[in-house]
């Protein structure tokens, strides 16, 4: 057996394999990039939740729910208690989903308060599924906004919410926790579609210095259709390679994925800033 001094000398003459050092060194940038995006997204979603509570909640408390129609056309229809209840429930669930979705992203909660994580997750899943169903109902009973090109992606979004929620719940019950977390992340992103649409729309308008690619009166056009698809497709297209790279990626793949997430964080922050300055704060 070599004496300790010889072992110490050997560690300098024969350093650890380069691949091992590189793999460790590239794990943190990916983790930090993911954490940075989550922090920015949660801040933006909390701002959106505050906006919904302030604008719609204030009108309801004041006994003037008809003011909802200023920002959500046909949300309140006199003589339609079922439709009005669906609209109110949809708005309330949007706040619940934003708040609980942010809570589910906190790793410390899962580690130190697993019971809170489980129960808040159950409420999140039920709220997401109910919101998807109520959203489809409102699309059916309310006058259409935009054209068919912007409506079918919303139906797909709702279907994805229901599918991912069911799969996340199934794997949680079966104690397949890693698969459950993957489906829960997919669910979180598609549930956030309405939020992604708003920050994307305002970023598009401000970047183009006005409406471009759609008619602001009819809210129809190729730009709206593209955003309606991108609100769920683009986040999933980023998430899937991230999950694979995090699990089995090479050092170069991890670094490249960290760069993609960093760019996504900047774009998300820009969209949040645009929506906050041009849409949410002025109405609050």
Foldseek 3Di string as FASTA:
>chain_A
DDDPVVVVVVCVVPPPDPQVVLQVVLLVLLVVLVVLLLVLLLVLLVLVLVLLCVQQVVCVVVVRNVSVCVPPNPCDDPPCVVSVVLSVLLSVLSSLLSVLLSVLVDVVCCVPPVVVNVVSLVVNLVSLLSNLVSVVVNCVPPDHAADPLLVVLSNVLSVLLNVLSVQLVVCVVVVVVVSNVLSSVLNSQSSCLVVQLQLVQLLVQVVVVHDDQADPVRRYGPVSSVSSNCSNVVVVVLSVLSVVCSVDNRSVSSNVNSVVSNVVSVSSNNSSVRCVVPPRVVSD
